[in-house]
Amino acid sequence: MYPWLILFVLIAFPVAEALSIMWLAGHIGWWVLAWLAAAFFGGIALIRFERIAFAPRMLFSMQRGESPFRALFASTRLFVAGGLLMFPGLITDAMALALLLYPGTWKRPPAVRPAANDDVIDGEFRREAESPPDRFPRRDS
């Protein structure tokens, strides 16, 4: 890959973000600051929530016998979306929204259903005769 192309993207992206913020501020005014602050704190909250939920999500996926890569992929999407929300701009917020609305991001795991025949226990049993009382003497006597 060409190094000048990487440099161009690294310079053009923040410029595009700044231009999009100025364009939006021209249309809705000072509300842009409230929107950027809300997006920033929403990104922080999303990352904190996912940091807490990551380990149980992995554990439950492995307990269900599923591949942990699906849970890892969902957690990675939420971490990246939180980081994009923290970065100020219209373009990154749109990318974060696309990651958050990706199908399956907020899908709950299926509930564990009991077996269909859970009141029937098959097996054999036999009764054993009770032991005579003098076979095991009590210690207190």
N, C-alpha and C. Protein backbone atom coordinates (compact mmCIF):
# COMPACT_ATOMS: atom_id res chain seq x y z
N MET A 1 0.84 -1.17 0.00
CA MET A 1 0.00 0.00 0.00
C MET A 1 0.89 1.24 0.00
N TYR A 2 0.39 2.27 -0.60
CA TYR A 2 1.18 3.48 -0.73
C TYR A 2 1.16 4.29 0.56
N PRO A 3 2.32 4.73 1.04
CA PRO A 3 2.36 5.50 2.29
C PRO A 3 1.67 6.86 2.16
N TRP A 4 1.67 7.45 1.00
CA TRP A 4 1.01 8.75 0.83
C TRP A 4 -0.51 8.62 0.95
N LEU A 5 -1.03 7.46 0.58
CA LEU A 5 -2.48 7.24 0.71
C LEU A 5 -2.88 7.15 2.18
N ILE A 6 -2.06 6.48 2.98
CA ILE A 6 -2.33 6.40 4.42
C ILE A 6 -2.26 7.80 5.05
N LEU A 7 -1.27 8.58 4.65
CA LEU A 7 -1.13 9.94 5.16
C LEU A 7 -2.33 10.78 4.76
N PHE A 8 -2.79 10.63 3.53
CA PHE A 8 -3.95 11.38 3.06
C PHE A 8 -5.20 11.04 3.88
N VAL A 9 -5.41 9.75 4.16
CA VAL A 9 -6.59 9.33 4.94
C VAL A 9 -6.47 9.85 6.37
N LEU A 10 -5.27 9.79 6.95
CA LEU A 10 -5.09 10.26 8.33
C LEU A 10 -5.32 11.77 8.46
N ILE A 11 -5.07 12.51 7.38
CA ILE A 11 -5.31 13.95 7.42
C ILE A 11 -6.75 14.27 7.01
N ALA A 12 -7.28 13.56 6.02
CA ALA A 12 -8.61 13.88 5.49
C ALA A 12 -9.73 13.52 6.46
N PHE A 13 -9.56 12.47 7.24
CA PHE A 13 -10.65 12.04 8.12
C PHE A 13 -10.96 13.08 9.21
N PRO A 14 -9.98 13.58 9.96
CA PRO A 14 -10.30 14.62 10.95
C PRO A 14 -10.83 15.91 10.30
N VAL A 15 -10.34 16.23 9.11
CA VAL A 15 -10.85 17.41 8.42
C VAL A 15 -12.31 17.21 8.05
N ALA A 16 -12.66 16.04 7.56
CA ALA A 16 -14.06 15.74 7.22
C ALA A 16 -14.93 15.77 8.47
N GLU A 17 -14.42 15.28 9.59
CA GLU A 17 -15.17 15.33 10.85
C GLU A 17 -15.40 16.78 11.27
N ALA A 18 -14.38 17.61 11.20
CA ALA A 18 -14.53 19.02 11.59
C ALA A 18 -15.51 19.74 10.67
N LEU A 19 -15.44 19.47 9.38
CA LEU A 19 -16.38 20.09 8.44
C LEU A 19 -17.81 19.62 8.70
N SER A 20 -17.98 18.36 9.06
CA SER A 20 -19.34 17.87 9.34
C SER A 20 -19.89 18.49 10.62
N ILE A 21 -19.04 18.71 11.62
CA ILE A 21 -19.49 19.37 12.85
C ILE A 21 -19.88 20.82 12.56
N MET A 22 -19.07 21.53 11.75
CA MET A 22 -19.40 22.91 11.42
C MET A 22 -20.68 23.00 10.59
N TRP A 23 -20.86 22.08 9.68
CA TRP A 23 -22.08 22.06 8.87
C TRP A 23 -23.31 21.83 9.75
N LEU A 24 -23.22 20.87 10.66
CA LEU A 24 -24.34 20.58 11.55
C LEU A 24 -24.59 21.74 12.51
N ALA A 25 -23.54 22.40 12.98
CA ALA A 25 -23.70 23.54 13.88
C ALA A 25 -24.36 24.71 13.15
N GLY A 26 -24.13 24.83 11.86
CA GLY A 26 -24.79 25.87 11.09
C GLY A 26 -26.28 25.63 10.96
N HIS A 27 -26.69 24.38 11.07
CA HIS A 27 -28.12 24.06 10.94
C HIS A 27 -28.84 24.01 12.28
N ILE A 28 -28.24 23.47 13.31
CA ILE A 28 -28.96 23.34 14.58
C ILE A 28 -28.36 24.17 15.71
N GLY A 29 -27.27 24.83 15.49
CA GLY A 29 -26.72 25.76 16.48
C GLY A 29 -25.96 25.06 17.60
N TRP A 30 -26.13 25.62 18.80
CA TRP A 30 -25.36 25.15 19.96
C TRP A 30 -25.76 23.76 20.41
N TRP A 31 -26.83 23.22 19.89
CA TRP A 31 -27.25 21.87 20.27
C TRP A 31 -26.21 20.82 19.87
N VAL A 32 -25.33 21.20 18.96
CA VAL A 32 -24.26 20.28 18.55
C VAL A 32 -23.37 19.94 19.74
N LEU A 33 -23.09 20.93 20.58
CA LEU A 33 -22.26 20.67 21.76
C LEU A 33 -22.95 19.69 22.71
N ALA A 34 -24.25 19.85 22.90
CA ALA A 34 -24.99 18.92 23.75
C ALA A 34 -24.99 17.52 23.14
N TRP A 35 -25.13 17.46 21.83
CA TRP A 35 -25.12 16.16 21.14
C TRP A 35 -23.75 15.49 21.26
N LEU A 36 -22.68 16.26 21.07
CA LEU A 36 -21.33 15.70 21.18
C LEU A 36 -21.03 15.24 22.61
N ALA A 37 -21.49 16.01 23.61
CA ALA A 37 -21.28 15.61 25.00
C ALA A 37 -22.08 14.35 25.32
N ALA A 38 -23.33 14.28 24.83
CA ALA A 38 -24.15 13.09 25.07
C ALA A 38 -23.54 11.86 24.39
N ALA A 39 -23.02 12.03 23.19
CA ALA A 39 -22.38 10.91 22.49
C ALA A 39 -21.12 10.47 23.23
N PHE A 40 -20.35 11.42 23.74
CA PHE A 40 -19.13 11.08 24.47
C PHE A 40 -19.45 10.27 25.72
N PHE A 41 -20.41 10.76 26.53
CA PHE A 41 -20.75 10.04 27.75
C PHE A 41 -21.48 8.73 27.46
N GLY A 42 -22.22 8.68 26.36
CA GLY A 42 -22.83 7.41 25.95
C GLY A 42 -21.77 6.39 25.55
N GLY A 43 -20.71 6.84 24.90
CA GLY A 43 -19.60 5.94 24.55
C GLY A 43 -18.89 5.42 25.78
N ILE A 44 -18.68 6.29 26.77
CA ILE A 44 -18.05 5.86 28.02
C ILE A 44 -18.93 4.82 28.72
N ALA A 45 -20.24 5.09 28.77
CA ALA A 45 -21.16 4.16 29.43
C ALA A 45 -21.20 2.82 28.70
N LEU A 46 -21.17 2.86 27.38
CA LEU A 46 -21.19 1.63 26.60
C LEU A 46 -19.94 0.80 26.85
N ILE A 47 -18.79 1.43 26.91
CA ILE A 47 -17.54 0.71 27.17
C ILE A 47 -17.53 0.15 28.59
N ARG A 48 -18.02 0.92 29.56
CA ARG A 48 -18.07 0.41 30.94
C ARG A 48 -19.02 -0.78 31.05
N PHE A 49 -20.18 -0.68 30.42
CA PHE A 49 -21.14 -1.78 30.45
C PHE A 49 -20.55 -3.03 29.81
N GLU A 50 -19.90 -2.86 28.68
CA GLU A 50 -19.36 -4.02 27.98
C GLU A 50 -18.18 -4.62 28.71
N ARG A 51 -17.43 -3.79 29.41
CA ARG A 51 -16.31 -4.31 30.20
C ARG A 51 -16.81 -5.23 31.31
N ILE A 52 -17.97 -4.90 31.88
CA ILE A 52 -18.55 -5.74 32.92
C ILE A 52 -19.21 -6.98 32.32
N ALA A 53 -19.84 -6.84 31.15
CA ALA A 53 -20.62 -7.93 30.57
C ALA A 53 -19.79 -8.89 29.72
N PHE A 54 -18.53 -8.56 29.46
CA PHE A 54 -17.72 -9.38 28.56
C PHE A 54 -17.49 -10.80 29.10
N ALA A 55 -17.02 -10.90 30.33
CA ALA A 55 -16.69 -12.22 30.89
C ALA A 55 -17.93 -13.12 31.03
N PRO A 56 -19.05 -12.62 31.56
CA PRO A 56 -20.22 -13.50 31.61
C PRO A 56 -20.72 -13.93 30.23
N ARG A 57 -20.62 -13.02 29.26
CA ARG A 57 -21.06 -13.38 27.90
C ARG A 57 -20.20 -14.52 27.34
N MET A 58 -18.90 -14.45 27.56
CA MET A 58 -18.03 -15.53 27.09
C MET A 58 -18.31 -16.83 27.84
N LEU A 59 -18.49 -16.74 29.16
CA LEU A 59 -18.76 -17.92 29.98
C LEU A 59 -20.06 -18.59 29.56
N PHE A 60 -21.13 -17.82 29.36
CA PHE A 60 -22.41 -18.40 29.00
C PHE A 60 -22.38 -19.01 27.61
N SER A 61 -21.64 -18.39 26.70
CA SER A 61 -21.56 -18.98 25.36
C SER A 61 -20.81 -20.32 25.39
N MET A 62 -19.79 -20.41 26.24
CA MET A 62 -19.07 -21.68 26.33
C MET A 62 -19.88 -22.72 27.09
N GLN A 63 -20.69 -22.30 28.07
CA GLN A 63 -21.53 -23.25 28.78
C GLN A 63 -22.63 -23.81 27.89
N ARG A 64 -23.10 -23.00 26.94
CA ARG A 64 -24.12 -23.48 26.01
C ARG A 64 -23.52 -24.35 24.91
N GLY A 65 -22.21 -24.45 24.88
CA GLY A 65 -21.55 -25.27 23.87
C GLY A 65 -21.36 -24.56 22.55
N GLU A 66 -21.50 -23.25 22.52
CA GLU A 66 -21.32 -22.48 21.30
C GLU A 66 -19.86 -22.04 21.18
N SER A 67 -19.54 -21.57 20.02
CA SER A 67 -18.20 -21.04 19.82
C SER A 67 -18.09 -19.68 20.51
N PRO A 68 -17.03 -19.42 21.24
CA PRO A 68 -16.91 -18.13 21.92
C PRO A 68 -16.60 -16.98 20.95
N PHE A 69 -16.34 -17.28 19.69
CA PHE A 69 -16.00 -16.21 18.75
C PHE A 69 -17.20 -15.31 18.46
N ARG A 70 -18.42 -15.86 18.52
CA ARG A 70 -19.60 -15.02 18.31
C ARG A 70 -19.73 -14.00 19.44
N ALA A 71 -19.53 -14.43 20.68
CA ALA A 71 -19.58 -13.51 21.81
C ALA A 71 -18.43 -12.52 21.75
N LEU A 72 -17.26 -12.98 21.33
CA LEU A 72 -16.11 -12.09 21.20
C LEU A 72 -16.35 -11.04 20.12
N PHE A 73 -16.98 -11.45 19.02
CA PHE A 73 -17.28 -10.53 17.93
C PHE A 73 -18.30 -9.48 18.37
N ALA A 74 -19.33 -9.90 19.12
CA ALA A 74 -20.33 -8.94 19.62
C ALA A 74 -19.70 -7.96 20.59
N SER A 75 -18.85 -8.44 21.48
CA SER A 75 -18.20 -7.54 22.44
C SER A 75 -17.25 -6.57 21.74
N THR A 76 -16.55 -7.05 20.74
CA THR A 76 -15.64 -6.18 19.99
C THR A 76 -16.42 -5.08 19.27
N ARG A 77 -17.57 -5.45 18.68
CA ARG A 77 -18.41 -4.44 18.03
C ARG A 77 -18.83 -3.36 19.01
N LEU A 78 -19.22 -3.76 20.22
CA LEU A 78 -19.68 -2.78 21.21
C LEU A 78 -18.53 -1.92 21.72
N PHE A 79 -17.35 -2.50 21.90
CA PHE A 79 -16.19 -1.71 22.31
C PHE A 79 -15.82 -0.68 21.24
N VAL A 80 -15.80 -1.10 19.99
CA VAL A 80 -15.46 -0.19 18.90
C VAL A 80 -16.51 0.90 18.75
N ALA A 81 -17.79 0.53 18.90
CA ALA A 81 -18.86 1.53 18.82
C ALA A 81 -18.72 2.55 19.95
N GLY A 82 -18.37 2.10 21.14
CA GLY A 82 -18.15 3.05 22.24
C GLY A 82 -16.99 3.99 21.97
N GLY A 83 -15.91 3.45 21.40
CA GLY A 83 -14.78 4.31 21.05
C GLY A 83 -15.13 5.31 19.96
N LEU A 84 -15.91 4.88 18.99
CA LEU A 84 -16.32 5.80 17.93
C LEU A 84 -17.26 6.87 18.46
N LEU A 85 -18.10 6.54 19.42
CA LEU A 85 -18.98 7.56 20.01
C LEU A 85 -18.17 8.58 20.80
N MET A 86 -17.07 8.16 21.39
CA MET A 86 -16.26 9.09 22.16
C MET A 86 -15.50 10.07 21.26
N PHE A 87 -15.21 9.65 20.03
CA PHE A 87 -14.51 10.53 19.09
C PHE A 87 -15.53 11.51 18.53
N PRO A 88 -15.30 12.83 18.63
CA PRO A 88 -16.33 13.79 18.20
C PRO A 88 -16.48 13.83 16.69
N GLY A 89 -17.72 13.82 16.24
CA GLY A 89 -17.97 13.98 14.82
C GLY A 89 -19.21 13.24 14.35
N LEU A 90 -19.72 13.69 13.25
CA LEU A 90 -20.92 13.11 12.67
C LEU A 90 -20.62 11.77 11.99
N ILE A 91 -19.50 11.67 11.34
CA ILE A 91 -19.16 10.45 10.60
C ILE A 91 -18.90 9.29 11.55
N THR A 92 -18.13 9.52 12.61
CA THR A 92 -17.85 8.43 13.55
C THR A 92 -19.10 8.02 14.31
N ASP A 93 -19.99 8.99 14.60
CA ASP A 93 -21.23 8.63 15.28
C ASP A 93 -22.13 7.80 14.36
N ALA A 94 -22.12 8.09 13.07
CA ALA A 94 -22.89 7.28 12.13
C ALA A 94 -22.30 5.87 12.02
N MET A 95 -20.98 5.77 12.04
CA MET A 95 -20.37 4.43 12.01
C MET A 95 -20.68 3.66 13.29
N ALA A 96 -20.67 4.35 14.45
CA ALA A 96 -21.01 3.69 15.71
C ALA A 96 -22.46 3.23 15.71
N LEU A 97 -23.34 4.05 15.15
CA LEU A 97 -24.74 3.66 15.07
C LEU A 97 -24.92 2.45 14.17
N ALA A 98 -24.16 2.39 13.09
CA ALA A 98 -24.23 1.21 12.22
C ALA A 98 -23.75 -0.04 12.95
N LEU A 99 -22.72 0.08 13.77
CA LEU A 99 -22.25 -1.07 14.55
C LEU A 99 -23.26 -1.48 15.61
N LEU A 100 -23.92 -0.50 16.22
CA LEU A 100 -24.89 -0.81 17.25
C LEU A 100 -26.18 -1.42 16.68
N LEU A 101 -26.52 -1.05 15.46
CA LEU A 101 -27.73 -1.57 14.84
C LEU A 101 -27.48 -2.83 14.02
N TYR A 102 -26.25 -3.31 14.03
CA TYR A 102 -25.92 -4.54 13.31
C TYR A 102 -26.79 -5.67 13.86
N PRO A 103 -27.39 -6.49 13.01
CA PRO A 103 -28.27 -7.56 13.50
C PRO A 103 -27.55 -8.51 14.45
N GLY A 104 -28.18 -8.78 15.58
CA GLY A 104 -27.63 -9.71 16.54
C GLY A 104 -26.81 -9.07 17.64
N THR A 105 -26.62 -7.74 17.60
CA THR A 105 -25.81 -7.09 18.62
C THR A 105 -26.49 -7.15 19.98
N TRP A 106 -27.78 -6.90 20.02
CA TRP A 106 -28.51 -6.85 21.28
C TRP A 106 -29.38 -8.08 21.49
N LYS A 107 -29.15 -9.12 20.72
CA LYS A 107 -29.96 -10.34 20.84
C LYS A 107 -29.62 -11.06 22.14
N ARG A 108 -30.66 -11.39 22.88
CA ARG A 108 -30.45 -12.13 24.13
C ARG A 108 -30.24 -13.60 23.81
N PRO A 109 -29.45 -14.27 24.63
CA PRO A 109 -29.27 -15.71 24.41
C PRO A 109 -30.57 -16.45 24.69
N PRO A 110 -30.79 -17.55 23.99
CA PRO A 110 -32.04 -18.29 24.22
C PRO A 110 -32.08 -18.84 25.64
N ALA A 111 -33.28 -18.83 26.20
CA ALA A 111 -33.46 -19.34 27.56
C ALA A 111 -33.31 -20.86 27.56
N VAL A 112 -32.76 -21.37 28.61
CA VAL A 112 -32.59 -22.82 28.74
C VAL A 112 -33.94 -23.41 29.10
N ARG A 113 -34.42 -24.29 28.25
CA ARG A 113 -35.72 -24.91 28.47
C ARG A 113 -35.55 -26.24 29.17
N PRO A 114 -36.46 -26.57 30.10
CA PRO A 114 -36.36 -27.87 30.76
C PRO A 114 -36.74 -28.99 29.79
N ALA A 115 -36.34 -30.17 30.12
CA ALA A 115 -36.64 -31.32 29.27
C ALA A 115 -38.15 -31.52 29.19
N ALA A 116 -38.61 -32.11 28.10
CA ALA A 116 -40.04 -32.30 27.90
C ALA A 116 -40.62 -33.30 28.90
N ASN A 117 -39.83 -34.27 29.33
CA ASN A 117 -40.32 -35.29 30.24
C ASN A 117 -39.65 -35.17 31.60
N ASP A 118 -39.69 -33.96 32.18
CA ASP A 118 -38.95 -33.76 33.41
C ASP A 118 -39.64 -34.34 34.65
N ASP A 119 -40.93 -34.79 34.56
CA ASP A 119 -41.55 -35.38 35.75
C ASP A 119 -41.43 -36.89 35.78
N VAL A 120 -40.83 -37.49 34.79
CA VAL A 120 -40.70 -38.95 34.75
C VAL A 120 -39.23 -39.30 34.92
N ILE A 121 -38.94 -40.13 35.90
CA ILE A 121 -37.57 -40.60 36.12
C ILE A 121 -37.60 -42.11 35.97
N ASP A 122 -36.90 -42.61 34.98
CA ASP A 122 -36.82 -44.05 34.79
C ASP A 122 -35.66 -44.61 35.59
N GLY A 123 -35.87 -45.79 36.14
CA GLY A 123 -34.79 -46.43 36.88
C GLY A 123 -35.33 -47.59 37.69
N GLU A 124 -34.43 -48.30 38.29
CA GLU A 124 -34.80 -49.43 39.14
C GLU A 124 -34.38 -49.12 40.56
N PHE A 125 -35.12 -49.68 41.51
CA PHE A 125 -34.74 -49.49 42.90
C PHE A 125 -35.07 -50.77 43.67
N ARG A 126 -34.48 -50.86 44.82
CA ARG A 126 -34.78 -51.97 45.72
C ARG A 126 -34.68 -51.45 47.14
N ARG A 127 -35.47 -52.03 48.01
CA ARG A 127 -35.44 -51.62 49.40
C ARG A 127 -34.50 -52.52 50.16
N GLU A 128 -33.69 -51.92 50.94
CA GLU A 128 -32.79 -52.70 51.77
C GLU A 128 -33.37 -52.80 53.17
N ALA A 129 -33.14 -53.91 53.77
CA ALA A 129 -33.66 -54.11 55.12
C ALA A 129 -32.97 -53.15 56.07
N GLU A 130 -33.71 -52.70 57.05
CA GLU A 130 -33.13 -51.78 58.03
C GLU A 130 -32.13 -52.54 58.89
N SER A 131 -31.08 -51.88 59.27
CA SER A 131 -30.06 -52.53 60.09
C SER A 131 -30.59 -52.68 61.52
N PRO A 132 -30.20 -53.74 62.17
CA PRO A 132 -30.64 -53.92 63.56
C PRO A 132 -30.06 -52.81 64.43
N PRO A 133 -30.77 -52.44 65.50
CA PRO A 133 -30.31 -51.33 66.32
C PRO A 133 -28.99 -51.61 67.04
N ASP A 134 -28.65 -52.87 67.32
CA ASP A 134 -27.41 -53.14 68.04
C ASP A 134 -26.20 -53.24 67.11
N ARG A 135 -26.40 -53.16 65.85
CA ARG A 135 -25.29 -53.29 64.92
C ARG A 135 -24.35 -52.08 65.00
N PHE A 136 -24.94 -50.89 65.13
CA PHE A 136 -24.14 -49.67 65.26
C PHE A 136 -24.47 -49.05 66.61
N PRO A 137 -23.69 -49.36 67.64
CA PRO A 137 -24.00 -48.82 68.97
C PRO A 137 -23.78 -47.32 69.01
N ARG A 138 -24.53 -46.65 69.82
CA ARG A 138 -24.38 -45.21 69.98
C ARG A 138 -23.17 -44.91 70.85
N ARG A 139 -22.54 -43.85 70.61
CA ARG A 139 -21.32 -43.50 71.34
C ARG A 139 -21.63 -42.91 72.73
N ASP A 140 -22.78 -42.32 72.88
CA ASP A 140 -23.06 -41.68 74.17
C ASP A 140 -23.47 -42.68 75.25
N SER A 141 -23.68 -43.93 74.94
CA SER A 141 -24.08 -44.89 75.98
C SER A 141 -22.94 -45.78 76.42
